[in-house]
C-alpha atoms as a PDB file:
ATOM      1  CA  MET A   1      69.643   0.352 176.286  1.00  0.00           C
ATOM      2  CA  LYS A   2      67.422   3.409 176.747  1.00  0.00           C
ATOM      3  CA  GLN A   3      64.603   4.022 174.297  1.00  0.00           C
ATOM      4  CA  ARG A   4      65.744   6.433 171.618  1.00  0.00           C
ATOM      5  CA  THR A   5      64.140   8.770 169.135  1.00  0.00           C
ATOM      6  CA  LYS A   6      63.833   7.507 165.561  1.00  0.00           C
ATOM      7  CA  LEU A   7      65.894   9.854 163.410  1.00  0.00           C
ATOM      8  CA  MET A   8      64.243  10.595 160.058  1.00  0.00           C
ATOM      9  CA  ILE A   9      66.819  13.082 158.784  1.00  0.00           C
ATOM     10  CA  PRO A  10      69.825  12.850 156.413  1.00  0.00           C
ATOM     11  CA  GLY A  11      72.233  12.954 159.345  1.00  0.00           C
ATOM     12  CA  PRO A  12      72.991  12.205 162.030  1.00  0.00           C
ATOM     13  CA  VAL A  13      71.307   8.882 161.430  1.00  0.00           C
ATOM     14  CA  ASP A  14      70.319   5.909 163.546  1.00  0.00           C
ATOM     15  CA  VAL A  15      73.324   3.792 164.476  1.00  0.00           C
ATOM     16  CA  TRP A  16      73.391   0.013 164.881  1.00  0.00           C
ATOM     17  CA  ASP A  17      73.379  -1.276 168.469  1.00  0.00           C
ATOM     18  CA  GLU A  18      76.633  -3.141 167.767  1.00  0.00           C
ATOM     19  CA  THR A  19      78.277   0.150 166.849  1.00  0.00           C
ATOM     20  CA  LEU A  20      77.040   1.862 169.989  1.00  0.00           C
ATOM     21  CA  GLU A  21      78.280  -1.047 172.099  1.00  0.00           C
ATOM     22  CA  ALA A  22      81.729  -0.781 170.511  1.00  0.00           C
ATOM     23  CA  LEU A  23      81.911   2.823 171.713  1.00  0.00           C
ATOM     24  CA  GLY A  24      81.759   1.504 175.273  1.00  0.00           C
ATOM     25  CA  ARG A  25      85.064  -0.341 174.978  1.00  0.00           C
ATOM     26  CA  PRO A  26      88.129   0.964 176.858  1.00  0.00           C
ATOM     27  CA  VAL A  27      90.135   3.690 175.169  1.00  0.00           C
ATOM     28  CA  VAL A  28      93.284   2.503 173.367  1.00  0.00           C
ATOM     29  CA  SER A  29      96.357   4.742 173.141  1.00  0.00           C
ATOM     30  CA  ASN A  30      97.369   5.698 169.626  1.00  0.00           C
ATOM     31  CA  PHE A  31     101.013   5.289 170.715  1.00  0.00           C
ATOM     32  CA  THR A  32     100.712   1.549 171.371  1.00  0.00           C
ATOM     33  CA  GLU A  33     100.798  -1.508 169.140  1.00  0.00           C
ATOM     34  CA  ASP A  34      97.103  -2.081 169.891  1.00  0.00           C
ATOM     35  CA  TRP A  35      96.117   0.987 167.902  1.00  0.00           C
ATOM     36  CA  ALA A  36      97.754   0.412 164.510  1.00  0.00           C
ATOM     37  CA  PRO A  37      95.734  -2.693 163.485  1.00  0.00           C
ATOM     38  CA  ILE A  38      92.480  -0.898 164.320  1.00  0.00           C
ATOM     39  CA  GLN A  39      93.352   2.122 162.215  1.00  0.00           C
ATOM     40  CA  THR A  40      94.712   0.028 159.339  1.00  0.00           C
ATOM     41  CA  GLU A  41      91.613  -2.157 159.231  1.00  0.00           C
ATOM     42  CA  THR A  42      89.299   0.854 159.340  1.00  0.00           C
ATOM     43  CA  ILE A  43      91.128   2.621 156.511  1.00  0.00           C
ATOM     44  CA  ASP A  44      91.154  -0.559 154.399  1.00  0.00           C
ATOM     45  CA  LEU A  45      87.395  -0.961 154.890  1.00  0.00           C
ATOM     46  CA  LEU A  46      86.798   2.683 153.996  1.00  0.00           C
ATOM     47  CA  LYS A  47      88.852   2.254 150.824  1.00  0.00           C
ATOM     48  CA  LYS A  48      86.463  -0.504 149.754  1.00  0.00           C
ATOM     49  CA  ILE A  49      83.533   1.878 150.135  1.00  0.00           C
ATOM     50  CA  PHE A  50      85.411   4.661 148.335  1.00  0.00           C
ATOM     51  CA  GLN A  51      86.546   2.131 145.697  1.00  0.00           C
ATOM     52  CA  THR A  52      90.060   3.519 145.820  1.00  0.00           C
ATOM     53  CA  GLN A  53      93.696   2.681 146.359  1.00  0.00           C
ATOM     54  CA  ASN A  54      94.453   6.333 147.046  1.00  0.00           C
ATOM     55  CA  ASP A  55      95.687   7.555 150.411  1.00  0.00           C
ATOM     56  CA  LEU A  56      92.826   8.006 152.862  1.00  0.00           C
ATOM     57  CA  PHE A  57      92.808   9.834 156.181  1.00  0.00           C
ATOM     58  CA  ILE A  58      90.430   9.880 159.152  1.00  0.00           C
ATOM     59  CA  LEU A  59      89.990  13.255 160.850  1.00  0.00           C
ATOM     60  CA  THR A  60      88.374  14.158 164.136  1.00  0.00           C
ATOM     61  CA  SER A  61      86.133  16.757 162.537  1.00  0.00           C
ATOM     62  CA  ALA A  62      82.850  17.263 160.775  1.00  0.00           C
ATOM     63  CA  GLY A  63      82.716  16.577 157.052  1.00  0.00           C
ATOM     64  CA  SER A  64      83.201  20.290 156.463  1.00  0.00           C
ATOM     65  CA  GLY A  65      86.576  19.919 158.183  1.00  0.00           C
ATOM     66  CA  ALA A  66      87.591  17.418 155.508  1.00  0.00           C
ATOM     67  CA  VAL A  67      86.465  19.855 152.806  1.00  0.00           C
ATOM     68  CA  GLU A  68      88.475  22.616 154.477  1.00  0.00           C
ATOM     69  CA  MET A  69      91.517  20.335 154.587  1.00  0.00           C
ATOM     70  CA  GLY A  70      91.219  19.773 150.843  1.00  0.00           C
ATOM     71  CA  VAL A  71      90.869  23.478 150.136  1.00  0.00           C
ATOM     72  CA  ALA A  72      93.722  24.461 152.468  1.00  0.00           C
ATOM     73  CA  SER A  73      96.049  21.876 150.949  1.00  0.00           C
ATOM     74  CA  ILE A  74      95.554  22.097 147.180  1.00  0.00           C
ATOM     75  CA  PHE A  75      94.758  25.777 146.636  1.00  0.00           C
ATOM     76  CA  SER A  76      96.842  28.860 147.361  1.00  0.00           C
ATOM     77  CA  ARG A  77      95.604  32.204 148.596  1.00  0.00           C
ATOM     78  CA  GLY A  78      94.616  34.399 145.668  1.00  0.00           C
ATOM     79  CA  GLU A  79      94.242  31.490 143.261  1.00  0.00           C
ATOM     80  CA  LYS A  80      91.198  31.336 141.044  1.00  0.00           C
ATOM     81  CA  VAL A  81      89.006  28.285 141.780  1.00  0.00           C
ATOM     82  CA  ALA A  82      85.810  27.281 139.959  1.00  0.00           C
ATOM     83  CA  ALA A  83      82.885  26.039 142.043  1.00  0.00           C
ATOM     84  CA  VAL A  84      79.492  24.688 141.022  1.00  0.00           C
ATOM     85  CA  SER A  85      76.860  26.611 142.998  1.00  0.00           C
ATOM     86  CA  ASN A  86      73.430  24.982 143.141  1.00  0.00           C
ATOM     87  CA  GLY A  87      72.577  24.450 146.789  1.00  0.00           C
ATOM     88  CA  PRO A  88      73.299  25.301 150.431  1.00  0.00           C
ATOM     89  CA  PHE A  89      76.330  23.045 150.798  1.00  0.00           C
ATOM     90  CA  ALA A  90      77.840  24.347 147.576  1.00  0.00           C
ATOM     91  CA  LEU A  91      77.586  27.772 149.200  1.00  0.00           C
ATOM     92  CA  ARG A  92      79.410  26.388 152.238  1.00  0.00           C
ATOM     93  CA  SER A  93      82.255  25.138 150.015  1.00  0.00           C
ATOM     94  CA  ILE A  94      82.415  28.572 148.433  1.00  0.00           C
ATOM     95  CA  GLU A  95      82.488  30.151 151.885  1.00  0.00           C
ATOM     96  CA  ILE A  96      85.441  27.906 152.805  1.00  0.00           C
ATOM     97  CA  LEU A  97      87.244  28.844 149.584  1.00  0.00           C
ATOM     98  CA  ARG A  98      86.790  32.528 150.317  1.00  0.00           C
ATOM     99  CA  ALA A  99      87.955  32.043 153.897  1.00  0.00           C
ATOM    100  CA  TYR A 100      91.262  30.967 152.329  1.00  0.00           C
ATOM    101  CA  ASP A 101      91.253  34.050 150.081  1.00  0.00           C
ATOM    102  CA  CYS A 102      90.582  32.103 146.896  1.00  0.00           C
ATOM    103  CA  ASP A 103      89.146  34.004 143.938  1.00  0.00           C
ATOM    104  CA  VAL A 104      85.974  31.981 143.339  1.00  0.00           C
ATOM    105  CA  VAL A 105      84.470  31.573 139.878  1.00  0.00           C
ATOM    106  CA  GLU A 106      80.918  30.743 140.956  1.00  0.00           C
ATOM    107  CA  ILE A 107      79.099  28.654 138.333  1.00  0.00           C
ATOM    108  CA  GLU A 108      75.508  29.224 139.377  1.00  0.00           C
ATOM    109  CA  ASN A 109      72.578  26.895 138.762  1.00  0.00           C
ATOM    110  CA  GLY A 110      69.176  27.148 140.358  1.00  0.00           C
ATOM    111  CA  TRP A 111      68.641  25.206 143.566  1.00  0.00           C
ATOM    112  CA  GLY A 112      67.047  21.883 142.730  1.00  0.00           C
ATOM    113  CA  CYS A 113      68.885  21.679 139.399  1.00  0.00           C
ATOM    114  CA  GLY A 114      71.941  19.572 138.640  1.00  0.00           C
ATOM    115  CA  ALA A 115      75.103  21.141 137.273  1.00  0.00           C
ATOM    116  CA  ASP A 116      74.831  22.120 133.610  1.00  0.00           C
ATOM    117  CA  LEU A 117      77.857  20.515 131.960  1.00  0.00           C
ATOM    118  CA  ASP A 118      77.883  22.935 129.026  1.00  0.00           C
ATOM    119  CA  GLN A 119      77.827  25.862 131.447  1.00  0.00           C
ATOM    120  CA  VAL A 120      80.676  24.391 133.497  1.00  0.00           C
ATOM    121  CA  GLU A 121      82.754  23.684 130.393  1.00  0.00           C
ATOM    122  CA  ALA A 122      82.194  27.233 129.139  1.00  0.00           C
ATOM    123  CA  ALA A 123      83.216  28.698 132.496  1.00  0.00           C
ATOM    124  CA  LEU A 124      86.406  26.641 132.592  1.00  0.00           C
ATOM    125  CA  LYS A 125      87.295  27.751 129.057  1.00  0.00           C
ATOM    126  CA  GLN A 126      86.524  31.357 129.935  1.00  0.00           C
ATOM    127  CA  HIS A 127      88.863  31.084 132.942  1.00  0.00           C
ATOM    128  CA  PRO A 128      91.808  28.938 131.769  1.00  0.00           C
ATOM    129  CA  ASP A 129      93.797  30.025 134.821  1.00  0.00           C
ATOM    130  CA  VAL A 130      91.548  28.312 137.395  1.00  0.00           C
ATOM    131  CA  ALA A 131      93.463  26.035 139.761  1.00  0.00           C
ATOM    132  CA  GLY A 132      90.684  23.516 140.344  1.00  0.00           C
ATOM    133  CA  LEU A 133      86.992  22.660 140.342  1.00  0.00           C
ATOM    134  CA  VAL A 134      84.904  22.161 143.501  1.00  0.00           C
ATOM    135  CA  VAL A 135      81.534  20.390 143.481  1.00  0.00           C
ATOM    136  CA  VAL A 136      79.071  18.853 145.932  1.00  0.00           C
ATOM    137  CA  ALA A 137      78.147  15.338 144.838  1.00  0.00           C
ATOM    138  CA  ASN A 138      74.730  15.311 146.486  1.00  0.00           C
ATOM    139  CA  GLU A 139      73.022  18.429 147.821  1.00  0.00           C
ATOM    140  CA  THR A 140      71.488  17.186 151.066  1.00  0.00           C
ATOM    141  CA  GLY A 141      68.758  19.816 151.279  1.00  0.00           C
ATOM    142  CA  THR A 142      67.427  19.391 147.736  1.00  0.00           C
ATOM    143  CA  GLY A 143      68.424  15.798 147.001  1.00  0.00           C
ATOM    144  CA  VAL A 144      70.069  16.792 143.723  1.00  0.00           C
ATOM    145  CA  ARG A 145      72.971  14.688 142.496  1.00  0.00           C
ATOM    146  CA  ASN A 146      75.533  16.450 140.371  1.00  0.00           C
ATOM    147  CA  PRO A 147      77.155  14.572 137.446  1.00  0.00           C
ATOM    148  CA  VAL A 148      80.451  14.027 139.246  1.00  0.00           C
ATOM    149  CA  LYS A 149      81.957  11.655 136.669  1.00  0.00           C
ATOM    150  CA  GLU A 150      81.432  14.118 133.831  1.00  0.00           C
ATOM    151  CA  LEU A 151      82.560  17.090 135.915  1.00  0.00           C
ATOM    152  CA  ALA A 152      85.792  15.273 136.762  1.00  0.00           C
ATOM    153  CA  ALA A 153      86.388  14.681 133.061  1.00  0.00           C
ATOM    154  CA  LEU A 154      85.917  18.399 132.349  1.00  0.00           C
ATOM    155  CA  ALA A 155      88.385  19.313 135.091  1.00  0.00           C
ATOM    156  CA  HIS A 156      90.983  16.858 133.872  1.00  0.00           C
ATOM    157  CA  ALA A 157      90.581  18.059 130.280  1.00  0.00           C
ATOM    158  CA  GLN A 158      91.857  21.386 131.594  1.00  0.00           C
ATOM    159  CA  ASP A 159      94.538  19.608 133.664  1.00  0.00           C
ATOM    160  CA  ILE A 160      93.175  20.733 137.028  1.00  0.00           C
ATOM    161  CA  PRO A 161      92.111  18.687 140.076  1.00  0.00           C
ATOM    162  CA  ILE A 162      88.536  18.206 141.217  1.00  0.00           C
ATOM    163  CA  LEU A 163      87.517  18.387 144.877  1.00  0.00           C
ATOM    164  CA  VAL A 164      84.272  16.573 145.682  1.00  0.00           C
ATOM    165  CA  ASP A 165      82.154  17.132 148.785  1.00  0.00           C
ATOM    166  CA  ALA A 166      80.472  13.718 149.105  1.00  0.00           C
ATOM    167  CA  ILE A 167      79.326  14.175 152.693  1.00  0.00           C
ATOM    168  CA  SER A 168      75.788  12.918 152.077  1.00  0.00           C
ATOM    169  CA  GLY A 169      76.632  10.895 148.972  1.00  0.00           C
ATOM    170  CA  MET A 170      79.407   8.452 149.832  1.00  0.00           C
ATOM    171  CA  GLY A 171      77.887   5.156 150.909  1.00  0.00           C
ATOM    172  CA  GLY A 172      74.460   6.177 149.641  1.00  0.00           C
ATOM    173  CA  TYR A 173      75.157   5.632 145.946  1.00  0.00           C
ATOM    174  CA  ASP A 174      78.024   4.676 143.684  1.00  0.00           C
ATOM    175  CA  LEU A 175      80.952   7.113 143.711  1.00  0.00           C
ATOM    176  CA  PRO A 176      83.956   5.098 142.459  1.00  0.00           C
ATOM    177  CA  VAL A 177      86.905   7.318 143.303  1.00  0.00           C
ATOM    178  CA  ASP A 178      89.566   5.592 141.207  1.00  0.00           C
ATOM    179  CA  LYS A 179      87.382   4.817 138.197  1.00  0.00           C
ATOM    180  CA  TRP A 180      86.205   8.413 137.951  1.00  0.00           C
ATOM    181  CA  GLU A 181      89.626   9.825 138.932  1.00  0.00           C
ATOM    182  CA  LEU A 182      88.285  11.944 141.783  1.00  0.00           C
ATOM    183  CA  ASP A 183      91.332  13.765 143.093  1.00  0.00           C
ATOM    184  CA  VAL A 184      90.086  14.811 146.530  1.00  0.00           C
ATOM    185  CA  LEU A 185      86.894  13.338 147.958  1.00  0.00           C
ATOM    186  CA  CYS A 186      85.535  14.266 151.372  1.00  0.00           C
ATOM    187  CA  THR A 187      82.797  12.721 153.468  1.00  0.00           C
ATOM    188  CA  SER A 188      81.763  12.208 157.076  1.00  0.00           C
ATOM    189  CA  SER A 189      80.771   9.442 159.439  1.00  0.00           C
ATOM    190  CA  ASN A 190      77.242  10.465 160.297  1.00  0.00           C
ATOM    191  CA  LYS A 191      75.231  10.224 157.094  1.00  0.00           C
ATOM    192  CA  ALA A 192      75.126   7.312 154.639  1.00  0.00           C
ATOM    193  CA  LEU A 193      78.013   5.541 156.403  1.00  0.00           C
ATOM    194  CA  GLU A 194      75.646   5.177 159.381  1.00  0.00           C
ATOM    195  CA  THR A 195      78.080   5.759 162.224  1.00  0.00           C
ATOM    196  CA  PRO A 196      78.171   8.398 164.995  1.00  0.00           C
ATOM    197  CA  PRO A 197      79.096  12.016 164.230  1.00  0.00           C
ATOM    198  CA  GLY A 198      82.592  13.349 164.767  1.00  0.00           C
ATOM    199  CA  LEU A 199      84.769  11.934 161.986  1.00  0.00           C
ATOM    200  CA  GLY A 200      85.677  13.273 158.570  1.00  0.00           C
ATOM    201  CA  PHE A 201      87.260  11.197 155.802  1.00  0.00           C
ATOM    202  CA  ILE A 202      89.333  12.396 152.861  1.00  0.00           C
ATOM    203  CA  SER A 203      90.938  10.510 149.969  1.00  0.00           C
ATOM    204  CA  VAL A 204      93.822  12.006 147.996  1.00  0.00           C
ATOM    205  CA  SER A 205      94.967  11.016 144.499  1.00  0.00           C
ATOM    206  CA  GLU A 206      98.501  11.152 143.141  1.00  0.00           C
ATOM    207  CA  ARG A 207      97.502  14.144 141.023  1.00  0.00           C
ATOM    208  CA  ALA A 208      96.321  15.902 144.185  1.00  0.00           C
ATOM    209  CA  TRP A 209      99.524  14.993 146.056  1.00  0.00           C
ATOM    210  CA  ASP A 210     101.570  16.597 143.277  1.00  0.00           C
ATOM    211  CA  THR A 211      99.586  19.784 143.832  1.00  0.00           C
ATOM    212  CA  VAL A 212      99.918  19.589 147.632  1.00  0.00           C
ATOM    213  CA  ASP A 213     103.674  19.078 147.449  1.00  0.00           C
ATOM    214  CA  ALA A 214     104.182  21.844 144.894  1.00  0.00           C
ATOM    215  CA  LYS A 215     102.344  24.405 147.007  1.00  0.00           C
ATOM    216  CA  GLN A 216     103.971  23.845 150.386  1.00  0.00           C
ATOM    217  CA  ALA A 217     106.423  26.668 149.732  1.00  0.00           C
ATOM    218  CA  ASP A 218     103.520  29.135 149.569  1.00  0.00           C
ATOM    219  CA  GLY A 219     103.012  28.855 153.325  1.00  0.00           C
ATOM    220  CA  GLY A 220      99.907  29.952 155.179  1.00  0.00           C
ATOM    221  CA  ARG A 221      98.379  26.474 155.265  1.00  0.00           C
ATOM    222  CA  GLY A 222      98.212  25.991 159.003  1.00  0.00           C
ATOM    223  CA  TRP A 223      99.093  22.678 160.625  1.00  0.00           C
ATOM    224  CA  TYR A 224      96.133  20.390 161.356  1.00  0.00           C
ATOM    225  CA  TYR A 225      94.374  20.944 158.018  1.00  0.00           C
ATOM    226  CA  ASN A 226      97.562  20.608 155.984  1.00  0.00           C
ATOM    227  CA  LEU A 227      97.563  17.270 154.148  1.00  0.00           C
ATOM    228  CA  ALA A 228     101.351  17.380 153.875  1.00  0.00           C
ATOM    229  CA  ASN A 229     101.592  17.022 157.666  1.00  0.00           C
ATOM    230  CA  TRP A 230      99.185  14.084 157.680  1.00  0.00           C
ATOM    231  CA  LYS A 231     101.289  12.383 155.035  1.00  0.00           C
ATOM    232  CA  LYS A 232     104.405  13.060 157.114  1.00  0.00           C
ATOM    233  CA  TYR A 233     103.031  11.646 160.375  1.00  0.00           C
ATOM    234  CA  ARG A 234     100.867   8.768 159.140  1.00  0.00           C
END
């Protein structure tokens, strides 16, 4: 194998030789019986990392594609959505929300500071009509972890789902999806999971599915990034 540069960045990261060698195997058609066991095993292994029994999907996209899928599937155009804003990737989530014409309630903290729970709770009470809460678990650029468990509890106290961008968090520290009742959690292959770039992963709770199903009649959700289609064709 050729000499390679040592990557000292959050992602993409160095990949094990065994993983790189596996990429050299012949391509398998996803329409044959050879494919299903591979996908099933991979999803089962990912569920162990996510600590979930929820549905989980593998996308050919960046992690931001998984976040966009969550936004496109559980929020409707014009809906008010609360978002914690304390770093560059929080701003990306907000940009995605606005791309889908969501009315964003931006809960601003300074960069380098974790979400202020009292501030978030006050914002949710001030806007009782918000349809959900969006938060980045770990801000890659600043290294700040947001209190995801407590934020999920605040969202559920208002009977709304939480969408978590865990792109640089999942696999790096404990984010138990089922225990903390994280409705939609998104991550990618090329950071703490230590595999090559190009895949996004998204887990979906029953609460989130209820929201997805209820909003299909609204239309305007596209095809590829519509979770309802992934559920239909899985």
